[in-house]
PDB file of N, CA and C in Angstrom:
ATOM      1  N   UNK A   1     -36.017  15.964 -14.567  1.00  0.00           N
ATOM      2  CA  UNK A   1     -35.877  14.648 -13.946  1.00  0.00           C
ATOM      3  C   UNK A   1     -36.242  14.753 -12.472  1.00  0.00           C
ATOM      4  N   UNK A   2     -36.886  13.701 -11.995  1.00  0.00           N
ATOM      5  CA  UNK A   2     -37.234  13.661 -10.573  1.00  0.00           C
ATOM      6  C   UNK A   2     -36.021  13.216  -9.759  1.00  0.00           C
ATOM      7  N   UNK A   3     -36.100  13.443  -8.442  1.00  0.00           N
ATOM      8  CA  UNK A   3     -35.020  12.998  -7.567  1.00  0.00           C
ATOM      9  C   UNK A   3     -34.836  11.486  -7.649  1.00  0.00           C
ATOM     10  N   UNK A   4     -35.925  10.760  -7.759  1.00  0.00           N
ATOM     11  CA  UNK A   4     -35.867   9.301  -7.844  1.00  0.00           C
ATOM     12  C   UNK A   4     -35.090   8.864  -9.089  1.00  0.00           C
ATOM     13  N   UNK A   5     -35.356   9.499 -10.214  1.00  0.00           N
ATOM     14  CA  UNK A   5     -34.667   9.159 -11.464  1.00  0.00           C
ATOM     15  C   UNK A   5     -33.179   9.502 -11.378  1.00  0.00           C
ATOM     16  N   UNK A   6     -32.852  10.639 -10.771  1.00  0.00           N
ATOM     17  CA  UNK A   6     -31.454  11.038 -10.626  1.00  0.00           C
ATOM     18  C   UNK A   6     -30.714  10.054  -9.723  1.00  0.00           C
ATOM     19  N   UNK A   7     -31.339   9.651  -8.608  1.00  0.00           N
ATOM     20  CA  UNK A   7     -30.718   8.668  -7.723  1.00  0.00           C
ATOM     21  C   UNK A   7     -30.499   7.343  -8.438  1.00  0.00           C
ATOM     22  N   UNK A   8     -31.490   6.909  -9.191  1.00  0.00           N
ATOM     23  CA  UNK A   8     -31.373   5.651  -9.918  1.00  0.00           C
ATOM     24  C   UNK A   8     -30.242   5.725 -10.953  1.00  0.00           C
ATOM     25  N   UNK A   9     -30.163   6.825 -11.672  1.00  0.00           N
ATOM     26  CA  UNK A   9     -29.099   7.015 -12.652  1.00  0.00           C
ATOM     27  C   UNK A   9     -27.724   6.992 -11.974  1.00  0.00           C
ATOM     28  N   UNK A  10     -27.626   7.620 -10.823  1.00  0.00           N
ATOM     29  CA  UNK A  10     -26.377   7.604 -10.074  1.00  0.00           C
ATOM     30  C   UNK A  10     -25.950   6.199  -9.700  1.00  0.00           C
ATOM     31  N   UNK A  11     -26.897   5.379  -9.255  1.00  0.00           N
ATOM     32  CA  UNK A  11     -26.558   4.001  -8.883  1.00  0.00           C
ATOM     33  C   UNK A  11     -26.205   3.161 -10.104  1.00  0.00           C
ATOM     34  N   UNK A  12     -26.833   3.430 -11.242  1.00  0.00           N
ATOM     35  CA  UNK A  12     -26.465   2.730 -12.475  1.00  0.00           C
ATOM     36  C   UNK A  12     -25.013   3.065 -12.843  1.00  0.00           C
ATOM     37  N   UNK A  13     -24.639   4.332 -12.702  1.00  0.00           N
ATOM     38  CA  UNK A  13     -23.259   4.726 -12.997  1.00  0.00           C
ATOM     39  C   UNK A  13     -22.283   4.086 -12.017  1.00  0.00           C
ATOM     40  N   UNK A  14     -22.668   3.978 -10.739  1.00  0.00           N
ATOM     41  CA  UNK A  14     -21.833   3.278  -9.767  1.00  0.00           C
ATOM     42  C   UNK A  14     -21.662   1.811 -10.158  1.00  0.00           C
ATOM     43  N   UNK A  15     -22.746   1.179 -10.629  1.00  0.00           N
ATOM     44  CA  UNK A  15     -22.645  -0.221 -11.052  1.00  0.00           C
ATOM     45  C   UNK A  15     -21.684  -0.368 -12.235  1.00  0.00           C
ATOM     46  N   UNK A  16     -21.780   0.543 -13.194  1.00  0.00           N
ATOM     47  CA  UNK A  16     -20.882   0.493 -14.350  1.00  0.00           C
ATOM     48  C   UNK A  16     -19.438   0.640 -13.905  1.00  0.00           C
ATOM     49  N   UNK A  17     -19.188   1.560 -12.970  1.00  0.00           N
ATOM     50  CA  UNK A  17     -17.808   1.729 -12.497  1.00  0.00           C
ATOM     51  C   UNK A  17     -17.345   0.505 -11.718  1.00  0.00           C
ATOM     52  N   UNK A  18     -18.237  -0.121 -10.950  1.00  0.00           N
ATOM     53  CA  UNK A  18     -17.869  -1.328 -10.207  1.00  0.00           C
ATOM     54  C   UNK A  18     -17.491  -2.459 -11.168  1.00  0.00           C
ATOM     55  N   UNK A  19     -18.239  -2.608 -12.245  1.00  0.00           N
ATOM     56  CA  UNK A  19     -17.910  -3.631 -13.246  1.00  0.00           C
ATOM     57  C   UNK A  19     -16.565  -3.302 -13.891  1.00  0.00           C
ATOM     58  N   UNK A  20     -16.315  -2.024 -14.166  1.00  0.00           N
ATOM     59  CA  UNK A  20     -15.031  -1.613 -14.728  1.00  0.00           C
ATOM     60  C   UNK A  20     -13.878  -1.924 -13.780  1.00  0.00           C
ATOM     61  N   UNK A  21     -14.074  -1.673 -12.493  1.00  0.00           N
ATOM     62  CA  UNK A  21     -13.050  -2.003 -11.506  1.00  0.00           C
ATOM     63  C   UNK A  21     -12.800  -3.508 -11.468  1.00  0.00           C
ATOM     64  N   UNK A  22     -13.871  -4.303 -11.558  1.00  0.00           N
ATOM     65  CA  UNK A  22     -13.708  -5.763 -11.563  1.00  0.00           C
ATOM     66  C   UNK A  22     -12.888  -6.212 -12.769  1.00  0.00           C
ATOM     67  N   UNK A  23     -13.182  -5.661 -13.923  1.00  0.00           N
ATOM     68  CA  UNK A  23     -12.439  -6.030 -15.131  1.00  0.00           C
ATOM     69  C   UNK A  23     -10.975  -5.614 -15.006  1.00  0.00           C
ATOM     70  N   UNK A  24     -10.742  -4.405 -14.481  1.00  0.00           N
ATOM     71  CA  UNK A  24      -9.377  -3.906 -14.354  1.00  0.00           C
ATOM     72  C   UNK A  24      -8.555  -4.681 -13.332  1.00  0.00           C
ATOM     73  N   UNK A  25      -9.232  -5.312 -12.368  1.00  0.00           N
ATOM     74  CA  UNK A  25      -8.496  -5.978 -11.290  1.00  0.00           C
ATOM     75  C   UNK A  25      -8.316  -7.476 -11.512  1.00  0.00           C
ATOM     76  N   UNK A  26      -8.631  -7.965 -12.700  1.00  0.00           N
ATOM     77  CA  UNK A  26      -8.449  -9.389 -12.985  1.00  0.00           C
ATOM     78  C   UNK A  26      -6.983  -9.749 -12.773  1.00  0.00           C
ATOM     79  N   UNK A  27      -6.764 -10.785 -11.987  1.00  0.00           N
ATOM     80  CA  UNK A  27      -5.413 -11.242 -11.712  1.00  0.00           C
ATOM     81  C   UNK A  27      -4.816 -10.692 -10.428  1.00  0.00           C
ATOM     82  N   UNK A  28      -5.511  -9.791  -9.766  1.00  0.00           N
ATOM     83  CA  UNK A  28      -5.041  -9.216  -8.513  1.00  0.00           C
ATOM     84  C   UNK A  28      -6.080  -9.518  -7.430  1.00  0.00           C
ATOM     85  N   UNK A  29      -5.768 -10.463  -6.543  1.00  0.00           N
ATOM     86  CA  UNK A  29      -6.753 -10.980  -5.597  1.00  0.00           C
ATOM     87  C   UNK A  29      -7.407  -9.886  -4.761  1.00  0.00           C
ATOM     88  N   UNK A  30      -6.622  -9.061  -4.080  1.00  0.00           N
ATOM     89  CA  UNK A  30      -7.209  -8.073  -3.170  1.00  0.00           C
ATOM     90  C   UNK A  30      -7.971  -6.991  -3.913  1.00  0.00           C
ATOM     91  N   UNK A  31      -7.487  -6.599  -5.063  1.00  0.00           N
ATOM     92  CA  UNK A  31      -8.211  -5.618  -5.863  1.00  0.00           C
ATOM     93  C   UNK A  31      -9.546  -6.201  -6.340  1.00  0.00           C
ATOM     94  N   UNK A  32      -9.526  -7.474  -6.754  1.00  0.00           N
ATOM     95  CA  UNK A  32     -10.764  -8.130  -7.185  1.00  0.00           C
ATOM     96  C   UNK A  32     -11.732  -8.264  -6.016  1.00  0.00           C
ATOM     97  N   UNK A  33     -11.200  -8.621  -4.834  1.00  0.00           N
ATOM     98  CA  UNK A  33     -12.040  -8.740  -3.641  1.00  0.00           C
ATOM     99  C   UNK A  33     -12.742  -7.412  -3.353  1.00  0.00           C
ATOM    100  N   UNK A  34     -11.978  -6.324  -3.375  1.00  0.00           N
ATOM    101  CA  UNK A  34     -12.563  -5.008  -3.119  1.00  0.00           C
ATOM    102  C   UNK A  34     -13.560  -4.602  -4.187  1.00  0.00           C
ATOM    103  N   UNK A  35     -13.255  -4.903  -5.421  1.00  0.00           N
ATOM    104  CA  UNK A  35     -14.156  -4.552  -6.524  1.00  0.00           C
ATOM    105  C   UNK A  35     -15.468  -5.309  -6.432  1.00  0.00           C
ATOM    106  N   UNK A  36     -15.392  -6.591  -6.137  1.00  0.00           N
ATOM    107  CA  UNK A  36     -16.618  -7.387  -6.005  1.00  0.00           C
ATOM    108  C   UNK A  36     -17.441  -6.934  -4.799  1.00  0.00           C
ATOM    109  N   UNK A  37     -16.752  -6.604  -3.719  1.00  0.00           N
ATOM    110  CA  UNK A  37     -17.437  -6.096  -2.532  1.00  0.00           C
ATOM    111  C   UNK A  37     -18.177  -4.800  -2.864  1.00  0.00           C
ATOM    112  N   UNK A  38     -17.531  -3.911  -3.614  1.00  0.00           N
ATOM    113  CA  UNK A  38     -18.139  -2.655  -4.042  1.00  0.00           C
ATOM    114  C   UNK A  38     -19.346  -2.910  -4.948  1.00  0.00           C
ATOM    115  N   UNK A  39     -19.224  -3.870  -5.863  1.00  0.00           N
ATOM    116  CA  UNK A  39     -20.323  -4.214  -6.758  1.00  0.00           C
ATOM    117  C   UNK A  39     -21.526  -4.734  -5.975  1.00  0.00           C
ATOM    118  N   UNK A  40     -21.286  -5.618  -5.029  1.00  0.00           N
ATOM    119  CA  UNK A  40     -22.380  -6.166  -4.208  1.00  0.00           C
ATOM    120  C   UNK A  40     -23.027  -5.056  -3.383  1.00  0.00           C
ATOM    121  N   UNK A  41     -22.212  -4.159  -2.829  1.00  0.00           N
ATOM    122  CA  UNK A  41     -22.761  -3.053  -2.038  1.00  0.00           C
ATOM    123  C   UNK A  41     -23.663  -2.163  -2.902  1.00  0.00           C
ATOM    124  N   UNK A  42     -23.250  -1.889  -4.131  1.00  0.00           N
ATOM    125  CA  UNK A  42     -24.087  -1.092  -5.037  1.00  0.00           C
ATOM    126  C   UNK A  42     -25.415  -1.794  -5.307  1.00  0.00           C
ATOM    127  N   UNK A  43     -25.373  -3.094  -5.519  1.00  0.00           N
ATOM    128  CA  UNK A  43     -26.603  -3.849  -5.766  1.00  0.00           C
ATOM    129  C   UNK A  43     -27.518  -3.814  -4.551  1.00  0.00           C
ATOM    130  N   UNK A  44     -26.949  -3.914  -3.356  1.00  0.00           N
ATOM    131  CA  UNK A  44     -27.761  -3.864  -2.132  1.00  0.00           C
ATOM    132  C   UNK A  44     -28.442  -2.497  -2.014  1.00  0.00           C
ATOM    133  N   UNK A  45     -27.715  -1.428  -2.310  1.00  0.00           N
ATOM    134  CA  UNK A  45     -28.304  -0.093  -2.225  1.00  0.00           C
ATOM    135  C   UNK A  45     -29.391   0.125  -3.274  1.00  0.00           C
ATOM    136  N   UNK A  46     -29.418  -0.678  -4.341  1.00  0.00           N
ATOM    137  CA  UNK A  46     -30.439  -0.528  -5.374  1.00  0.00           C
ATOM    138  C   UNK A  46     -31.724  -1.297  -5.066  1.00  0.00           C
ATOM    139  N   UNK A  47     -31.723  -2.133  -4.055  1.00  0.00           N
ATOM    140  CA  UNK A  47     -32.908  -2.929  -3.718  1.00  0.00           C
ATOM    141  C   UNK A  47     -34.160  -2.065  -3.560  1.00  0.00           C
ATOM    142  N   UNK A  48     -34.104  -0.920  -2.858  1.00  0.00           N
ATOM    143  CA  UNK A  48     -35.334  -0.118  -2.711  1.00  0.00           C
ATOM    144  C   UNK A  48     -35.945   0.353  -4.028  1.00  0.00           C
ATOM    145  N   UNK A  49     -35.139   0.478  -5.090  1.00  0.00           N
ATOM    146  CA  UNK A  49     -35.674   0.918  -6.374  1.00  0.00           C
ATOM    147  C   UNK A  49     -36.548  -0.154  -7.023  1.00  0.00           C
ATOM    148  N   UNK A  50     -36.363  -1.405  -6.637  1.00  0.00           N
ATOM    149  CA  UNK A  50     -37.106  -2.500  -7.262  1.00  0.00           C
ATOM    150  C   UNK A  50     -38.195  -3.081  -6.374  1.00  0.00           C
ATOM    151  N   UNK A  51     -38.299  -2.591  -5.148  1.00  0.00           N
ATOM    152  CA  UNK A  51     -39.381  -3.030  -4.269  1.00  0.00           C
ATOM    153  C   UNK A  51     -40.659  -2.332  -4.653  1.00  0.00           C
ATOM    154  N   UNK A  52     -41.770  -3.004  -4.461  1.00  0.00           N
ATOM    155  CA  UNK A  52     -43.039  -2.356  -4.716  1.00  0.00           C
ATOM    156  C   UNK A  52     -43.377  -1.460  -3.522  1.00  0.00           C
ATOM    157  N   UNK A  53     -43.910  -0.280  -3.785  1.00  0.00           N
ATOM    158  CA  UNK A  53     -44.260   0.626  -2.677  1.00  0.00           C
ATOM    159  C   UNK A  53     -45.357   0.032  -1.812  1.00  0.00           C
ATOM    160  N   UNK A  54     -45.284   0.314  -0.534  1.00  0.00           N
ATOM    161  CA  UNK A  54     -46.291  -0.240   0.389  1.00  0.00           C
ATOM    162  C   UNK A  54     -47.444   0.690   0.540  1.00  0.00           C
TER     163      UNK A  54
END
């Protein structure tokens, strides 16, 4: 596997864990806030994987 593929796989696993945290925190405002913030941060870090190379 290339470094790019390993990094992408790592971010996919982070996304899965963020979704799991969101599900686990249903009904708890601050936990849900933190989980959603973590999920959005993971998505932001994945933007370079979907940009076309210049």
